[in-house]
Amino acid sequence: MAVNKNKRPSKKKGNKKKLVDPFTKKEWYDVKAPSTFTNRDVGKTLVTRTTGTKIAADALKGRVYECALADLNNDENAFRKFKLICEDVQGKYCYTNFHGMDMTRDKLCSLVRKWQTLIEATVDVKTTDGYLLRVFCMGFTKKLPKQIKKTAYAQASQVRAIRKKMVDIMAKQVGSEDLKAVVLKLIPDSIGKDIEKECLDIYPLHDVHIRKVKVLKKPKFDLGRLMDLHGEIGGATDENGEIVATSNDFIEPQVQESV
């Protein structure tokens, strides 16, 4: 006789859990880029509403958003990517700060070619406002004018001399500025142009770029400094989430139509 031959699956009785759309518990926040960029509106981000001890602002702080420079500055530099980190939430706005810079993979691959020398340099620099940055630079040797020879290889001593000059220029240009000024230099890649100009007497270079910037350490969070970076006043908000001036800040009265 077969065991459990005619056993049928038993139907469990009980209330089934009601399926709720998770998006009903979410809300949208606007992501704001610093005033160093032309387009301040990066996009929108989603977060679960504040319930009990779980605060929405805490979930948003620390989020990293990667944006192309073409979107931030309305230009054609699509290969340069900037990372922005959310440092403060006020009302429905996430205020971000610079968190790093990178170049797209396809751009890096298009630069590397045969018959030339790739020279790379890295340096850790501290800005005047206490940010420790790791800056990566790359450059390529190029043919001299009217050169017949196919290759443009630099000697090992020339590579060392160029790398030293790269490190010196990056340390000088980044170490003497605050983070806002460094970002303003990274947008047009003025450091790369300076390196190309300075290394001309050692070996002519082309396609010299700051290919990556990492933020290794940050100073203690300062809300006033972040608001200055965004071109805002104060740091307090009203019940609607709009930024208002604190008691110490002067705010100009609005022009009245009639007295």
Protein backbone atom coordinates (compact mmCIF):
# COMPACT_ATOMS: atom_id res chain seq x y z
CA MET A 1 0.00 0.00 0.00
CA ALA A 2 1.41 3.41 -1.05
CA VAL A 3 1.90 5.89 1.71
CA ASN A 4 0.08 9.26 1.29
CA LYS A 5 -1.29 8.13 -2.05
CA ASN A 6 -4.52 10.09 -1.99
CA LYS A 7 -3.27 13.03 0.07
CA ARG A 8 -4.47 16.33 -1.32
CA PRO A 9 -2.93 19.73 -0.59
CA SER A 10 -4.81 21.31 2.28
CA LYS A 11 -6.17 24.82 1.85
CA LYS A 12 -4.89 27.19 4.50
CA LYS A 13 -7.50 29.47 5.96
CA GLY A 14 -6.65 32.98 6.98
CA ASN A 15 -6.48 36.55 5.76
CA LYS A 16 -4.12 37.17 2.86
CA LYS A 17 -1.73 40.11 3.28
CA LYS A 18 -3.04 43.09 1.35
CA LEU A 19 -0.59 44.19 -1.34
CA VAL A 20 0.21 47.90 -1.11
CA ASP A 21 1.99 49.81 -3.83
CA PRO A 22 5.34 50.90 -2.24
CA PHE A 23 5.28 54.16 -4.22
CA THR A 24 2.36 55.42 -2.15
CA LYS A 25 4.79 55.75 0.80
CA LYS A 26 7.40 57.67 -1.21
CA GLU A 27 7.92 61.34 -2.01
CA TRP A 28 10.05 63.26 -4.49
CA TYR A 29 12.83 65.72 -3.64
CA ASP A 30 14.62 68.16 -5.98
CA VAL A 31 18.42 67.81 -6.18
CA LYS A 32 20.26 71.16 -6.32
CA ALA A 33 23.81 71.56 -7.69
CA PRO A 34 26.18 74.25 -6.30
CA SER A 35 26.14 77.74 -7.87
CA THR A 36 29.45 77.00 -9.67
CA PHE A 37 27.37 75.24 -12.36
CA THR A 38 24.99 76.94 -14.81
CA ASN A 39 22.15 74.44 -14.48
CA ARG A 40 21.31 74.11 -10.78
CA ASP A 41 18.50 71.55 -11.17
CA VAL A 42 20.20 68.14 -11.35
CA GLY A 43 17.01 66.10 -11.15
CA LYS A 44 14.71 64.45 -8.65
CA THR A 45 15.26 61.71 -6.09
CA LEU A 46 12.84 59.35 -4.37
CA VAL A 47 12.69 58.56 -0.66
CA THR A 48 10.29 56.93 1.82
CA ARG A 49 8.26 59.45 3.82
CA THR A 50 9.15 60.20 7.43
CA THR A 51 7.47 57.58 9.64
CA GLY A 52 8.20 57.29 13.34
CA THR A 53 11.95 57.30 13.98
CA LYS A 54 12.84 56.87 10.27
CA ILE A 55 13.42 60.41 8.99
CA ALA A 56 13.45 61.02 5.22
CA ALA A 57 16.23 63.64 5.45
CA ASP A 58 18.60 61.11 7.08
CA ALA A 59 18.01 58.67 4.21
CA LEU A 60 18.79 61.38 1.65
CA LYS A 61 22.00 62.67 3.26
CA GLY A 62 25.06 60.94 1.83
CA ARG A 63 23.48 60.01 -1.51
CA VAL A 64 25.86 60.51 -4.45
CA TYR A 65 24.57 61.74 -7.81
CA GLU A 66 26.68 61.44 -10.97
CA CYS A 67 26.02 64.07 -13.65
CA ALA A 68 27.63 64.86 -16.98
CA LEU A 69 29.19 68.31 -17.24
CA ALA A 70 27.17 68.84 -20.43
CA ASP A 71 23.95 68.68 -18.38
CA LEU A 72 25.29 70.88 -15.57
CA ASN A 73 26.76 73.60 -17.80
CA ASN A 74 24.66 73.24 -20.98
CA ASP A 75 27.76 72.66 -23.15
CA GLU A 76 29.26 69.81 -25.17
CA ASN A 77 31.72 68.39 -22.58
CA ALA A 78 29.77 65.16 -22.22
CA PHE A 79 32.86 63.07 -21.39
CA ARG A 80 33.48 64.76 -18.01
CA LYS A 81 31.37 63.48 -15.10
CA PHE A 82 30.94 65.19 -11.74
CA LYS A 83 29.85 63.45 -8.55
CA LEU A 84 27.69 65.48 -6.16
CA ILE A 85 26.91 64.34 -2.60
CA CYS A 86 23.79 65.40 -0.69
CA GLU A 87 24.93 67.18 2.48
CA ASP A 88 21.75 68.87 3.69
CA VAL A 89 17.99 68.69 3.13
CA GLN A 90 15.77 71.75 3.51
CA GLY A 91 12.11 71.54 2.62
CA LYS A 92 11.87 69.59 -0.63
CA TYR A 93 15.43 70.43 -1.74
CA CYS A 94 18.62 68.35 -1.43
CA TYR A 95 21.67 70.61 -1.32
CA THR A 96 24.73 68.93 -2.79
CA ASN A 97 28.48 69.51 -2.72
CA PHE A 98 31.38 68.37 -4.94
CA HIS A 99 32.31 64.72 -4.29
CA GLY A 100 34.55 63.79 -7.23
CA MET A 101 35.20 63.97 -10.94
CA ASP A 102 35.80 61.34 -13.60
CA MET A 103 35.98 60.83 -17.35
CA THR A 104 33.87 58.44 -19.38
CA ARG A 105 35.37 55.13 -20.43
CA ASP A 106 34.90 55.74 -24.17
CA LYS A 107 36.79 59.05 -24.00
CA LEU A 108 39.73 57.43 -22.16
CA CYS A 109 39.85 54.61 -24.71
CA SER A 110 39.76 57.06 -27.63
CA LEU A 111 42.82 58.91 -26.27
CA VAL A 112 45.10 55.86 -25.93
CA ARG A 113 46.81 55.12 -29.25
CA LYS A 114 49.95 53.49 -30.60
CA TRP A 115 53.28 55.20 -31.36
CA GLN A 116 53.13 57.60 -28.38
CA THR A 117 53.99 57.55 -24.66
CA LEU A 118 51.32 57.76 -21.99
CA ILE A 119 52.43 59.70 -18.89
CA GLU A 120 50.33 59.58 -15.70
CA ALA A 121 50.77 61.31 -12.34
CA THR A 122 48.90 61.25 -9.02
CA VAL A 123 49.09 63.60 -6.04
CA ASP A 124 47.25 64.02 -2.71
CA VAL A 125 46.61 67.72 -1.98
CA LYS A 126 44.79 69.54 0.81
CA THR A 127 42.75 72.61 -0.16
CA THR A 128 42.75 75.79 1.93
CA ASP A 129 39.31 74.89 3.39
CA GLY A 130 40.44 71.44 4.60
CA TYR A 131 39.39 69.02 1.81
CA LEU A 132 41.94 66.29 1.02
CA LEU A 133 41.81 65.52 -2.71
CA ARG A 134 43.56 62.87 -4.78
CA VAL A 135 44.15 64.26 -8.26
CA PHE A 136 44.99 62.06 -11.27
CA CYS A 137 46.53 63.51 -14.43
CA MET A 138 47.30 62.00 -17.82
CA GLY A 139 49.06 63.23 -20.95
CA PHE A 140 50.44 61.91 -24.25
CA THR A 141 53.56 62.76 -26.22
CA LYS A 142 53.11 64.10 -29.74
CA LYS A 143 55.21 64.44 -32.85
CA LEU A 144 57.39 67.48 -33.38
CA PRO A 145 56.54 69.81 -36.27
CA LYS A 146 57.85 68.46 -39.62
CA GLN A 147 58.80 65.15 -37.96
CA ILE A 148 59.26 62.26 -40.40
CA LYS A 149 59.75 59.54 -37.77
CA LYS A 150 56.58 57.51 -37.16
CA THR A 151 56.87 57.21 -33.37
CA ALA A 152 56.91 59.88 -30.65
CA TYR A 153 58.31 58.01 -27.65
CA ALA A 154 59.78 59.95 -24.70
CA GLN A 155 62.88 58.73 -22.87
CA ALA A 156 62.56 57.48 -19.27
CA SER A 157 64.35 60.59 -17.95
CA GLN A 158 61.93 62.83 -19.88
CA VAL A 159 58.93 60.89 -18.52
CA ARG A 160 60.24 61.39 -14.96
CA ALA A 161 60.78 65.10 -15.56
CA ILE A 162 57.27 65.54 -17.01
CA ARG A 163 55.70 63.56 -14.15
CA LYS A 164 57.52 65.73 -11.58
CA LYS A 165 56.29 68.87 -13.30
CA MET A 166 52.73 67.48 -13.38
CA VAL A 167 52.81 66.77 -9.62
CA ASP A 168 54.27 70.23 -8.84
CA ILE A 169 51.66 72.11 -10.92
CA MET A 170 48.72 70.09 -9.51
CA ALA A 171 49.94 70.55 -5.90
CA LYS A 172 50.42 74.30 -6.45
CA GLN A 173 47.13 74.95 -8.26
CA VAL A 174 44.92 72.84 -5.95
CA GLY A 175 46.72 73.48 -2.65
CA SER A 176 46.45 77.27 -2.92
CA GLU A 177 42.67 77.35 -3.51
CA ASP A 178 39.46 76.36 -1.72
CA LEU A 179 37.16 73.63 -3.07
CA LYS A 180 34.90 76.06 -4.97
CA ALA A 181 37.87 77.57 -6.84
CA VAL A 182 39.24 74.07 -7.61
CA VAL A 183 35.89 73.05 -9.16
CA LEU A 184 35.94 76.24 -11.27
CA LYS A 185 39.38 75.16 -12.55
CA LEU A 186 38.22 71.59 -13.27
CA ILE A 187 35.25 72.68 -15.40
CA PRO A 188 37.38 74.16 -18.28
CA ASP A 189 40.35 71.87 -17.40
CA SER A 190 42.71 74.85 -17.06
CA ILE A 191 45.21 72.78 -15.00
CA GLY A 192 45.73 70.40 -17.94
CA LYS A 193 46.40 73.33 -20.28
CA ASP A 194 48.97 74.78 -17.86
CA ILE A 195 50.76 71.41 -17.64
CA GLU A 196 50.86 71.15 -21.44
CA LYS A 197 52.38 74.64 -21.66
CA GLU A 198 54.97 74.05 -18.91
CA CYS A 199 56.16 70.68 -20.30
CA LEU A 200 56.75 72.02 -23.81
CA ASP A 201 60.50 72.48 -23.20
CA ILE A 202 60.89 68.82 -22.06
CA TYR A 203 58.74 67.07 -24.68
CA PRO A 204 55.63 68.35 -26.55
CA LEU A 205 52.39 66.91 -25.14
CA HIS A 206 48.77 66.75 -26.25
CA ASP A 207 45.47 65.59 -24.70
CA VAL A 208 46.61 66.51 -21.18
CA HIS A 209 43.65 66.10 -18.82
CA ILE A 210 42.85 65.86 -15.14
CA ARG A 211 41.20 62.49 -15.61
CA LYS A 212 39.94 61.91 -12.05
CA VAL A 213 39.53 63.67 -8.70
CA LYS A 214 38.65 61.84 -5.47
CA VAL A 215 37.62 63.44 -2.16
CA LEU A 216 39.53 61.48 0.50
CA LYS A 217 38.74 63.56 3.61
CA LYS A 218 36.32 66.36 4.41
CA PRO A 219 36.30 69.00 7.15
CA LYS A 220 33.50 69.14 9.72
CA PHE A 221 30.13 69.94 8.10
CA ASP A 222 29.37 73.66 8.05
CA LEU A 223 25.84 74.63 6.97
CA GLY A 224 26.76 78.29 6.43
CA ARG A 225 29.54 77.33 4.02
CA LEU A 226 27.21 75.01 2.09
CA MET A 227 24.60 77.79 1.78
CA ASP A 228 27.31 80.18 0.51
CA LEU A 229 28.27 77.56 -2.08
CA HIS A 230 24.64 77.49 -3.26
CA GLY A 231 24.31 81.27 -3.11
CA GLU A 232 21.60 81.04 -0.45
CA ILE A 233 21.18 83.08 2.72
CA GLY A 234 20.86 81.60 6.18
CA GLY A 235 20.04 78.00 6.84
CA ALA A 236 16.55 78.03 8.38
CA THR A 237 13.31 77.06 6.65
CA ASP A 238 9.67 77.97 7.23
CA GLU A 239 6.70 75.60 7.44
CA ASN A 240 6.52 75.39 3.62
CA GLY A 241 10.18 74.40 3.34
CA GLU A 242 11.29 77.73 1.88
CA ILE A 243 14.67 79.12 3.03
CA VAL A 244 14.26 82.14 5.32
CA ALA A 245 16.80 84.50 6.85
CA THR A 246 17.78 83.98 10.47
CA SER A 247 17.58 86.79 13.04
CA ASN A 248 21.21 87.81 12.40
CA ASP A 249 20.76 88.13 8.62
CA PHE A 250 19.50 91.30 6.96
CA ILE A 251 16.70 90.78 4.46
CA GLU A 252 15.60 93.57 2.17
CA PRO A 253 11.88 94.40 2.45
CA GLN A 254 9.68 93.85 -0.62
CA VAL A 255 8.48 96.83 -2.65
CA GLN A 256 4.85 97.60 -1.86
CA GLU A 257 2.43 98.65 -4.57
CA SER A 258 0.41 100.96 -2.28
CA VAL A 259 1.00 102.53 1.10
